[in-house]
Amino acid sequence: MDTPEFSLSKRHRPKSPWRHHFAWLESLIHPSVPVLPQDTRAPPQPWFLRLPLIRYAILVYIIFAVALSATHVVSWCVTHRSLSSPRVFKDWIPKRTYAQDEPFSLLDGMPHGLKMAKMLDKSDYESTTKVQPYWLRTAQKIHPEGLSLMVMITPESWSDLVRLTDHWQGPISATLHIGTEEDGVTIKDKIRHAYQEHASRFQSVDVHLIETTSRSPSVLLSRNVERNIARLYARTHYICELPSNVIPATDLRRMLDSNKNVYGDYLRNGDMLILPLFVGNNRPSLRNIPNHKSRLLDLVRRGEMGLLDPTFELNQGPTNLSHWEMATQPYIIEKYDLHYEPIVIQSKFVQPWCAERFLDRKSACLFSNHLAGGDFWVLPQDFVVQVAPTKPTTLSSLDAVIEDRLYSKFFWEQCVHHGRQLEALGLWYGPRSKNIHTQCSRVIKNWGRGLIGKAE
C-alpha cells in the first residue's frame, strides 16, 4: 500500500520570520480593511496608489521626514551655542566681487547726479542731483583720529557757524541748505566770498551745498538726509552733531586724547558718549560761558542754568542731573526713552545711518544705534551750552502727525530688523543684544499676532 503523499496547503505553511516581525508593515501596504472609515460610495483610489512600490516609497519618505525633524529638534535643544564666537570673522576684508585686479571702479564713470540719487534713494531725484559735497573745501590736512562737529545751517544761520568757528578750531562738516525760490546765485556768491575772505577762520570747515525748492525739511530732501551727508563727508573717525545754536564749553579734543584707550574702545564698539546740554535763563555770551563743571553747578544751584534734554522738561530727562552732579566716571543711561535726543559723540563708521523717511527726527538715528547694541555713556566732566534761542520747527501740524505715526511703526520695524541681524551674526544670546531684549521683548514675542500695541 502506497504511502499517501500529503502536501501542505498555502494556509498551513509555516510563516517566515521576517513576515512574522513585519506583519504590521504588510498591513499598511496591503490593508485588508480600510484604515480609516470610508464612504462605500466614494470613488476608488487612483491606480498608482494601489501599487506596492508607490506605497513603500511614501512610507519611506514619511519615516525619513520624521527622523530628520527629530534630529534638528534634538540638535537645537542640546547644542551649546558659543557666545564668544560670532559668525563674522575679524580678519574679513570687504572686496569688490568684479574686476578685483583693476585699479578703477565702474562708479568712476557714473555721473555725479546718478551717484547721489543712488546713495540717497529715499529723496527726490532732482534734489539729490543738486547736492554738492565739499562745495567749499579746506586745504588743511585733517587728522583722521580726531573729532568732527556736524552742523546743519541755512543762509540765515551762517552767523551761527561763524560763532562756532571762533570757539572751536577743530574740523567741522557743515551742510548749507539753500532754497531755489530765492536768489540762490547771489546768496552763494556772498557765502563763498565770506568763506574765502576769512580763510583762517574756516581753515578746518568743509561746506556741503544742498539746493531744493524750499529750505525747510520736506519729502524732497529731509533733515535726516542732511545728517547723513554731513556724516558721510566728515574727515575724521569720530563725529558729533551739534545744533547751530550750541557750542562746546570744554576742550573735547583734549578729553578724547587723554582718554583715548577707554573712550576709543567705547566708540569702536558702537557706544555713544553723551555731552549734557545746559541752557540758561539769560543766554550767556561766549565770555560768560562756564568752562568747568564746578562753576556750572553753582549756576545750576542758583537756578540760572539747567540740564535740557529735548522733548523733556528742564532737569527731568534721562541724562539724570542728580547723577551727573556726583559722577566722576562715565555712567550708562538707565531709563532710556524712545524720544531721547541727546548730543552724542559717536563713530562715523560703526553706527547705522539715519532713517531718511523722517523729515527731522534725530531720535530715530539714535534709536537704531541703541538697538544695534550701542550704549549711552554720559561724560562726567564735559558739557555743551546753548547760546541762542532754538528756532521753532518748520514742520506743519500735518507733517508732525505723520512723523509721529511713522515713528511708532518704525519702532516695531527696527526691533525685528535688528533682532534678525543679531541672530544672523550669532550675537542674539550675547551682551550685544541686551538693549533689544529690554526695548523690544513684547514686540518680538507677539510679532504677527496683532497684540503689539504702543511702543514700550
Protein backbone atom coordinates (compact mmCIF):
# COMPACT_ATOMS: atom_id res chain seq x y z
CA MET A 1 0.00 0.00 0.00
CA ASP A 2 1.42 3.18 -1.10
CA THR A 3 2.10 5.78 1.45
CA PRO A 4 -0.13 8.74 0.74
CA GLU A 5 1.63 12.00 -0.08
CA PHE A 6 0.49 14.91 1.85
CA SER A 7 1.00 18.46 0.53
CA LEU A 8 0.72 21.45 2.80
CA SER A 9 -1.75 23.94 1.60
CA LYS A 10 -0.80 27.65 1.41
CA ARG A 11 -2.67 28.47 4.56
CA HIS A 12 -0.89 25.71 6.59
CA ARG A 13 2.66 26.62 5.54
CA PRO A 14 4.86 27.97 8.38
CA LYS A 15 5.37 31.68 8.25
CA SER A 16 8.86 33.06 7.64
CA PRO A 17 10.48 35.05 10.48
CA TRP A 18 10.56 38.37 8.59
CA ARG A 19 6.88 38.00 7.74
CA HIS A 20 6.08 37.49 11.41
CA HIS A 21 8.01 40.56 12.56
CA PHE A 22 6.84 42.86 9.80
CA ALA A 23 3.21 41.89 9.72
CA TRP A 24 2.31 45.47 10.66
CA LEU A 25 4.17 46.73 7.61
CA GLU A 26 2.25 44.26 5.43
CA SER A 27 -0.98 45.55 6.90
CA LEU A 28 -0.07 49.08 5.92
CA ILE A 29 0.94 48.12 2.41
CA HIS A 30 -1.91 45.67 1.83
CA PRO A 31 -4.67 46.57 4.30
CA SER A 32 -7.46 44.05 4.43
CA VAL A 33 -9.87 46.68 5.56
CA PRO A 34 -9.66 50.45 5.28
CA VAL A 35 -7.55 52.03 7.99
CA LEU A 36 -9.92 54.97 8.25
CA PRO A 37 -13.67 54.95 7.92
CA GLN A 38 -14.59 55.40 4.30
CA ASP A 39 -17.75 56.05 2.43
CA THR A 40 -18.59 52.98 0.41
CA ARG A 41 -19.94 55.25 -2.28
CA ALA A 42 -16.58 57.05 -2.60
CA PRO A 43 -14.69 56.51 -5.86
CA PRO A 44 -11.81 54.01 -5.76
CA GLN A 45 -8.24 55.20 -5.21
CA PRO A 46 -6.08 56.07 -8.21
CA TRP A 47 -4.36 53.08 -9.72
CA PHE A 48 -0.83 54.25 -8.88
CA LEU A 49 -1.64 54.46 -5.14
CA ARG A 50 -2.58 50.78 -5.23
CA LEU A 51 0.91 49.78 -6.36
CA PRO A 52 3.03 48.31 -3.52
CA LEU A 53 6.17 50.12 -4.73
CA ILE A 54 4.48 53.53 -4.51
CA ARG A 55 3.18 52.71 -1.04
CA TYR A 56 6.67 51.69 0.07
CA ALA A 57 8.13 54.95 -1.30
CA ILE A 58 5.57 57.08 0.55
CA LEU A 59 6.20 55.21 3.78
CA VAL A 60 9.99 55.61 3.47
CA TYR A 61 9.57 59.35 2.81
CA ILE A 62 7.39 59.78 5.91
CA ILE A 63 9.89 57.91 8.10
CA PHE A 64 12.80 59.96 6.70
CA ALA A 65 10.97 63.29 7.26
CA VAL A 66 10.11 62.41 10.86
CA ALA A 67 13.69 61.31 11.58
CA LEU A 68 15.16 64.48 10.03
CA SER A 69 12.81 66.71 12.00
CA ALA A 70 13.60 64.90 15.23
CA THR A 71 17.34 65.27 14.54
CA HIS A 72 17.00 69.04 14.09
CA VAL A 73 14.91 69.38 17.24
CA VAL A 74 17.41 67.40 19.33
CA SER A 75 20.34 69.34 17.86
CA TRP A 76 18.66 72.68 18.61
CA CYS A 77 17.89 71.61 22.20
CA VAL A 78 21.24 70.16 23.22
CA THR A 79 23.79 72.00 21.09
CA HIS A 80 25.75 74.60 23.08
CA ARG A 81 25.74 77.99 21.35
CA SER A 82 29.00 79.83 21.96
CA LEU A 83 28.53 83.48 22.89
CA SER A 84 32.10 84.42 22.12
CA SER A 85 32.28 83.13 18.54
CA PRO A 86 30.16 85.26 16.25
CA ARG A 87 29.73 84.22 12.64
CA VAL A 88 31.65 87.23 11.35
CA PHE A 89 35.43 86.92 11.11
CA LYS A 90 37.54 89.82 12.34
CA ASP A 91 40.07 89.32 9.55
CA TRP A 92 37.43 89.63 6.83
CA ILE A 93 38.15 92.46 4.38
CA PRO A 94 35.42 93.70 2.02
CA LYS A 95 36.41 93.43 -1.62
CA ARG A 96 34.79 94.03 -4.97
CA THR A 97 33.17 90.97 -6.49
CA TYR A 98 34.02 92.12 -10.02
CA ALA A 99 37.26 93.26 -11.72
CA GLN A 100 39.28 92.99 -8.49
CA ASP A 101 42.56 93.36 -10.37
CA GLU A 102 41.56 96.65 -12.00
CA PRO A 103 42.50 99.94 -10.28
CA PHE A 104 39.23 101.60 -11.25
CA SER A 105 35.59 101.09 -10.39
CA LEU A 106 32.53 101.29 -12.58
CA LEU A 107 31.34 104.03 -10.24
CA ASP A 108 34.12 106.27 -11.56
CA GLY A 109 32.31 106.74 -14.83
CA MET A 110 28.89 107.30 -13.27
CA PRO A 111 27.52 110.88 -13.45
CA HIS A 112 27.53 112.79 -10.16
CA GLY A 113 23.75 113.19 -10.09
CA LEU A 114 23.19 109.47 -10.56
CA LYS A 115 25.66 108.64 -7.77
CA MET A 116 23.89 110.93 -5.32
CA ALA A 117 20.46 109.62 -6.34
CA LYS A 118 21.58 106.05 -5.65
CA MET A 119 23.11 106.95 -2.29
CA LEU A 120 20.06 108.99 -1.20
CA ASP A 121 17.41 106.77 -2.74
CA LYS A 122 14.62 107.94 -0.41
CA SER A 123 14.90 111.53 -1.68
CA ASP A 124 13.71 113.30 -4.82
CA TYR A 125 15.95 112.63 -7.81
CA GLU A 126 16.18 116.24 -8.96
CA SER A 127 17.05 117.38 -5.43
CA THR A 128 19.81 114.81 -4.99
CA THR A 129 21.44 115.78 -8.29
CA LYS A 130 21.99 119.29 -6.86
CA VAL A 131 23.84 118.09 -3.78
CA GLN A 132 27.47 119.26 -3.98
CA PRO A 133 29.82 117.64 -1.46
CA TYR A 134 32.78 119.84 -0.49
CA TRP A 135 31.29 122.88 -2.21
CA LEU A 136 33.67 124.89 -0.01
CA ARG A 137 36.63 122.74 0.94
CA THR A 138 39.50 123.45 3.25
CA ALA A 139 43.00 122.66 2.07
CA GLN A 140 44.21 121.88 5.57
CA LYS A 141 45.16 118.30 6.32
CA ILE A 142 42.81 116.78 8.89
CA HIS A 143 44.00 114.05 11.26
CA PRO A 144 41.63 111.10 10.81
CA GLU A 145 41.71 110.11 14.51
CA GLY A 146 40.21 113.44 15.58
CA LEU A 147 36.67 114.66 16.22
CA SER A 148 34.49 116.49 13.67
CA LEU A 149 31.46 118.59 14.55
CA MET A 150 28.45 118.25 12.25
CA VAL A 151 26.24 121.31 11.72
CA MET A 152 23.17 121.87 9.53
CA ILE A 153 22.77 125.52 8.56
CA THR A 154 20.88 127.84 6.21
CA PRO A 155 21.87 131.31 4.93
CA GLU A 156 20.10 132.81 7.98
CA SER A 157 22.15 130.70 10.41
CA TRP A 158 25.50 131.30 8.71
CA SER A 159 26.40 133.59 11.61
CA ASP A 160 25.96 130.61 13.96
CA LEU A 161 28.65 128.75 12.01
CA VAL A 162 30.92 131.81 12.28
CA ARG A 163 30.39 131.86 16.05
CA LEU A 164 31.17 128.15 16.30
CA THR A 165 34.42 128.52 14.35
CA ASP A 166 35.51 131.24 16.77
CA HIS A 167 35.07 128.82 19.67
CA TRP A 168 36.05 125.51 18.04
CA GLN A 169 39.21 125.24 15.94
CA GLY A 170 38.73 121.58 15.07
CA PRO A 171 37.22 120.03 11.93
CA ILE A 172 33.62 120.91 11.01
CA SER A 173 31.42 119.19 8.40
CA ALA A 174 28.55 121.57 7.63
CA THR A 175 25.60 121.27 5.24
CA LEU A 176 24.28 124.53 3.75
CA HIS A 177 20.64 124.26 2.62
CA ILE A 178 19.58 126.92 0.10
CA GLY A 179 16.11 127.30 -1.41
CA THR A 180 15.95 127.78 -5.17
CA GLU A 181 12.93 130.09 -4.89
CA GLU A 182 15.34 132.70 -3.56
CA ASP A 183 18.14 134.41 -5.45
CA GLY A 184 20.38 131.43 -4.92
CA VAL A 185 23.23 132.71 -7.10
CA THR A 186 23.60 135.93 -5.09
CA ILE A 187 23.44 134.07 -1.75
CA LYS A 188 26.04 131.52 -2.85
CA ASP A 189 28.35 134.27 -4.07
CA LYS A 190 28.10 136.10 -0.74
CA ILE A 191 28.79 132.97 1.28
CA ARG A 192 31.70 131.93 -0.94
CA HIS A 193 33.16 135.41 -0.62
CA ALA A 194 32.82 135.33 3.19
CA TYR A 195 34.45 131.89 3.30
CA GLN A 196 37.41 132.94 1.16
CA GLU A 197 37.84 136.34 2.80
CA HIS A 198 38.18 134.78 6.25
CA ALA A 199 40.15 131.69 5.21
CA SER A 200 41.97 131.47 8.53
CA ARG A 201 38.64 131.27 10.38
CA PHE A 202 37.32 128.49 8.14
CA GLN A 203 40.60 126.61 7.81
CA SER A 204 39.02 123.38 9.13
CA VAL A 205 35.48 123.79 7.76
CA ASP A 206 34.00 121.85 4.84
CA VAL A 207 30.67 123.09 3.49
CA HIS A 208 28.40 120.75 1.50
CA LEU A 209 25.76 122.53 -0.60
CA ILE A 210 22.13 121.35 -0.82
CA GLU A 211 19.62 123.10 -3.09
CA THR A 212 15.90 122.35 -3.08
CA THR A 213 12.76 124.34 -3.80
CA SER A 214 12.33 125.05 -0.10
CA ARG A 215 14.82 125.41 2.77
CA SER A 216 12.52 123.72 5.26
CA PRO A 217 12.71 119.91 5.58
CA SER A 218 10.42 118.20 3.10
CA VAL A 219 9.93 114.89 1.35
CA LEU A 220 12.20 116.19 -1.42
CA LEU A 221 15.22 116.04 0.90
CA SER A 222 14.79 115.65 4.63
CA ARG A 223 16.89 116.88 7.54
CA ASN A 224 17.87 113.28 8.27
CA VAL A 225 19.39 113.16 4.78
CA GLU A 226 21.43 116.25 5.66
CA ARG A 227 22.70 114.43 8.75
CA ASN A 228 23.84 111.51 6.62
CA ILE A 229 25.57 113.82 4.13
CA ALA A 230 27.45 115.67 6.87
CA ARG A 231 28.47 112.36 8.41
CA LEU A 232 29.47 110.74 5.11
CA TYR A 233 31.84 113.56 4.15
CA ALA A 234 33.30 114.20 7.60
CA ARG A 235 37.05 113.62 7.51
CA THR A 236 37.57 112.07 10.95
CA HIS A 237 36.67 108.75 12.53
CA TYR A 238 34.57 110.37 15.27
CA ILE A 239 31.70 112.83 14.83
CA CYS A 240 29.35 114.89 16.96
CA GLU A 241 26.22 116.60 15.68
CA LEU A 242 25.59 120.00 17.26
CA PRO A 243 22.63 122.33 16.76
CA SER A 244 23.85 125.58 15.25
CA ASN A 245 22.99 127.50 18.47
CA VAL A 246 25.10 125.23 20.73
CA ILE A 247 28.84 125.36 21.37
CA PRO A 248 31.19 123.10 23.35
CA ALA A 249 32.05 124.55 26.76
CA THR A 250 35.02 122.24 27.48
CA ASP A 251 38.00 121.04 25.48
CA LEU A 252 36.60 117.93 23.80
CA ARG A 253 39.74 117.14 21.83
CA ARG A 254 41.88 117.12 24.97
CA MET A 255 39.31 114.92 26.69
CA LEU A 256 39.40 112.35 23.88
CA ASP A 257 43.19 112.40 23.61
CA SER A 258 43.72 111.91 27.33
CA ASN A 259 41.22 109.03 27.48
CA LYS A 260 41.97 107.52 24.09
CA ASN A 261 42.12 103.91 25.26
CA VAL A 262 38.87 103.91 27.24
CA TYR A 263 36.71 106.17 25.09
CA GLY A 264 38.23 104.81 21.88
CA ASP A 265 37.09 101.31 22.82
CA TYR A 266 33.62 102.60 23.60
CA LEU A 267 33.29 104.32 20.23
CA ARG A 268 34.74 101.47 18.20
CA ASN A 269 32.30 99.06 19.88
CA GLY A 270 29.34 101.20 18.79
CA ASP A 271 28.72 103.03 22.08
CA MET A 272 27.94 106.77 22.22
CA LEU A 273 29.34 109.43 24.56
CA ILE A 274 26.72 111.92 25.76
CA LEU A 275 27.55 115.60 26.21
CA PRO A 276 24.97 117.06 28.62
CA LEU A 277 23.28 120.17 27.21
CA PHE A 278 22.77 123.13 29.56
CA VAL A 279 20.67 126.22 28.91
CA GLY A 280 20.39 129.43 30.93
CA ASN A 281 17.54 131.82 31.66
CA ASN A 282 19.61 134.59 30.10
CA ARG A 283 21.56 133.30 27.13
CA PRO A 284 25.25 133.52 28.08
CA SER A 285 27.74 135.19 25.79
CA LEU A 286 30.94 133.45 24.78
CA ARG A 287 32.81 135.28 27.54
CA ASN A 288 30.43 134.19 30.29
CA ILE A 289 30.10 130.52 29.37
CA PRO A 290 31.12 128.26 32.28
CA ASN A 291 34.02 126.11 31.16
CA HIS A 292 34.29 123.96 34.28
CA LYS A 293 31.83 121.64 35.97
CA SER A 294 32.11 123.28 39.41
CA ARG A 295 31.28 126.69 38.01
CA LEU A 296 28.38 125.27 36.03
CA LEU A 297 26.91 123.53 39.09
CA ASP A 298 27.00 126.81 41.00
CA LEU A 299 24.81 128.35 38.28
CA VAL A 300 22.51 125.31 38.33
CA ARG A 301 22.01 125.51 42.10
CA ARG A 302 21.18 129.21 41.81
CA GLY A 303 18.59 128.38 39.17
CA GLU A 304 20.37 130.33 36.42
CA MET A 305 21.03 127.25 34.24
CA GLY A 306 19.52 123.82 33.84
CA LEU A 307 20.02 120.49 32.09
CA LEU A 308 18.00 120.29 28.89
CA ASP A 309 17.02 117.04 27.20
CA PRO A 310 14.93 117.92 24.12
CA THR A 311 11.27 116.76 24.40
CA PHE A 312 11.64 116.64 28.23
CA GLU A 313 11.11 119.17 30.99
CA LEU A 314 14.17 121.06 32.26
CA ASN A 315 16.30 118.87 34.56
CA GLN A 316 13.91 115.93 34.09
CA GLY A 317 15.39 113.98 31.19
CA PRO A 318 17.09 110.57 31.06
CA THR A 319 20.54 112.18 31.40
CA ASN A 320 19.73 112.48 35.14
CA LEU A 321 21.08 115.74 36.54
CA SER A 322 21.40 114.45 40.13
CA HIS A 323 23.53 111.54 38.96
CA TRP A 324 25.70 113.78 36.77
CA GLU A 325 26.38 116.18 39.65
CA MET A 326 28.03 113.42 41.69
CA ALA A 327 29.60 111.49 38.79
CA THR A 328 33.36 111.17 38.47
CA GLN A 329 33.27 108.33 35.90
CA PRO A 330 31.12 107.80 32.78
CA TYR A 331 27.79 106.15 33.54
CA ILE A 332 25.19 104.41 31.36
CA ILE A 333 21.73 105.83 30.81
CA GLU A 334 19.39 103.66 32.88
CA LYS A 335 15.99 104.97 31.76
CA TYR A 336 16.30 105.18 28.00
CA ASP A 337 13.32 106.70 26.20
CA LEU A 338 12.24 106.23 22.61
CA HIS A 339 12.23 110.01 22.03
CA TYR A 340 15.59 110.69 23.68
CA GLU A 341 17.74 113.08 21.57
CA PRO A 342 21.00 113.83 23.41
CA ILE A 343 24.11 115.34 21.86
CA VAL A 344 26.50 112.43 21.37
CA ILE A 345 30.00 111.69 20.17
CA GLN A 346 29.96 108.57 18.04
CA SER A 347 31.92 106.64 15.43
CA LYS A 348 31.47 107.61 11.80
CA PHE A 349 31.67 104.01 10.62
CA VAL A 350 30.05 101.74 13.24
CA GLN A 351 26.51 103.02 13.83
CA PRO A 352 23.61 102.58 11.40
CA TRP A 353 22.72 105.56 9.22
CA CYS A 354 19.78 107.82 9.94
CA ALA A 355 16.44 106.67 8.53
CA GLU A 356 15.75 109.08 5.66
CA ARG A 357 11.99 108.60 5.70
CA PHE A 358 11.70 111.14 8.53
CA LEU A 359 11.74 114.85 7.80
CA ASP A 360 13.53 115.76 11.04
CA ARG A 361 13.80 113.02 13.67
CA LYS A 362 17.18 112.69 15.35
CA SER A 363 15.81 110.20 17.87
CA ALA A 364 15.29 107.71 15.02
CA CYS A 365 19.04 107.75 14.33
CA LEU A 366 19.92 107.16 17.98
CA PHE A 367 17.24 104.50 18.46
CA SER A 368 18.72 102.41 15.64
CA ASN A 369 22.15 102.77 17.22
CA HIS A 370 20.75 101.68 20.59
CA LEU A 371 19.05 98.55 19.21
CA ALA A 372 22.21 97.62 17.32
CA GLY A 373 23.88 97.22 20.71
CA GLY A 374 25.25 100.70 21.44
CA ASP A 375 25.09 102.09 24.97
CA PHE A 376 24.80 105.75 26.00
CA TRP A 377 27.68 106.80 28.28
CA VAL A 378 27.32 110.21 29.95
CA LEU A 379 30.60 112.08 30.19
CA PRO A 380 31.14 113.23 33.81
CA GLN A 381 33.16 116.45 33.24
CA ASP A 382 32.33 117.72 29.73
CA PHE A 383 29.21 119.51 28.51
CA VAL A 384 27.84 121.90 25.88
CA VAL A 385 25.90 125.14 26.28
CA GLN A 386 23.06 126.64 24.26
CA VAL A 387 23.92 130.28 23.49
CA ALA A 388 20.94 131.31 21.32
CA PRO A 389 17.19 130.55 21.34
CA THR A 390 16.08 127.45 19.49
CA LYS A 391 14.15 128.31 16.37
CA PRO A 392 10.65 126.83 16.18
CA THR A 393 10.15 123.81 13.98
CA THR A 394 9.15 124.44 10.40
CA LEU A 395 7.11 121.24 10.12
CA SER A 396 3.39 121.69 9.61
CA SER A 397 0.94 120.13 12.02
CA LEU A 398 0.04 117.50 9.41
CA ASP A 399 3.70 116.61 8.86
CA ALA A 400 4.18 116.34 12.63
CA VAL A 401 1.27 113.90 12.93
CA ILE A 402 2.61 111.81 10.05
CA GLU A 403 6.07 111.79 11.66
CA ASP A 404 4.67 110.51 14.96
CA ARG A 405 2.71 107.72 13.29
CA LEU A 406 5.67 106.72 11.16
CA TYR A 407 7.86 106.61 14.25
CA SER A 408 5.52 104.25 16.09
CA LYS A 409 5.67 101.83 13.15
CA PHE A 410 9.42 102.41 12.84
CA PHE A 411 9.81 101.16 16.42
CA TRP A 412 8.28 97.78 15.56
CA GLU A 413 10.20 97.52 12.31
CA GLN A 414 13.58 98.25 13.86
CA CYS A 415 13.00 95.72 16.62
CA VAL A 416 12.50 92.93 14.10
CA HIS A 417 15.23 94.20 11.74
CA HIS A 418 17.98 94.38 14.32
CA GLY A 419 16.76 91.22 16.01
CA ARG A 420 17.21 89.30 12.75
CA GLN A 421 20.64 90.86 12.23
CA LEU A 422 21.90 89.97 15.69
CA GLU A 423 20.60 86.43 15.33
CA ALA A 424 22.27 86.05 11.93
CA LEU A 425 25.60 87.22 13.41
CA GLY A 426 25.34 84.77 16.29
CA LEU A 427 25.01 87.58 18.85
CA TRP A 428 21.42 87.11 19.95
CA TYR A 429 22.36 85.44 23.24
CA GLY A 430 25.32 87.72 23.96
CA PRO A 431 25.66 91.09 25.73
CA ARG A 432 25.31 92.89 22.40
CA SER A 433 21.59 92.07 22.41
CA LYS A 434 20.70 93.28 25.90
CA ASN A 435 19.26 96.58 24.60
CA ILE A 436 16.96 94.95 22.08
CA HIS A 437 15.79 92.41 24.69
CA THR A 438 14.92 95.29 27.01
CA GLN A 439 13.21 97.54 24.47
CA CYS A 440 11.58 95.02 22.15
CA SER A 441 10.66 91.95 24.19
CA ARG A 442 6.91 92.41 23.72
CA VAL A 443 7.28 93.21 20.03
CA ILE A 444 9.36 90.13 19.25
CA LYS A 445 7.16 87.74 21.24
CA ASN A 446 3.92 88.97 19.69
CA TRP A 447 5.04 89.86 16.18
CA GLY A 448 2.33 88.97 13.67
CA ARG A 449 -0.36 88.35 16.30
CA GLY A 450 -1.85 91.84 16.34
CA LEU A 451 -1.06 92.23 20.06
CA ILE A 452 1.84 94.66 19.94
CA GLY A 453 0.07 97.88 20.79
CA LYS A 454 2.02 101.01 21.59
CA ALA A 455 5.77 101.26 21.83
CA GLU A 456 7.29 100.33 25.16
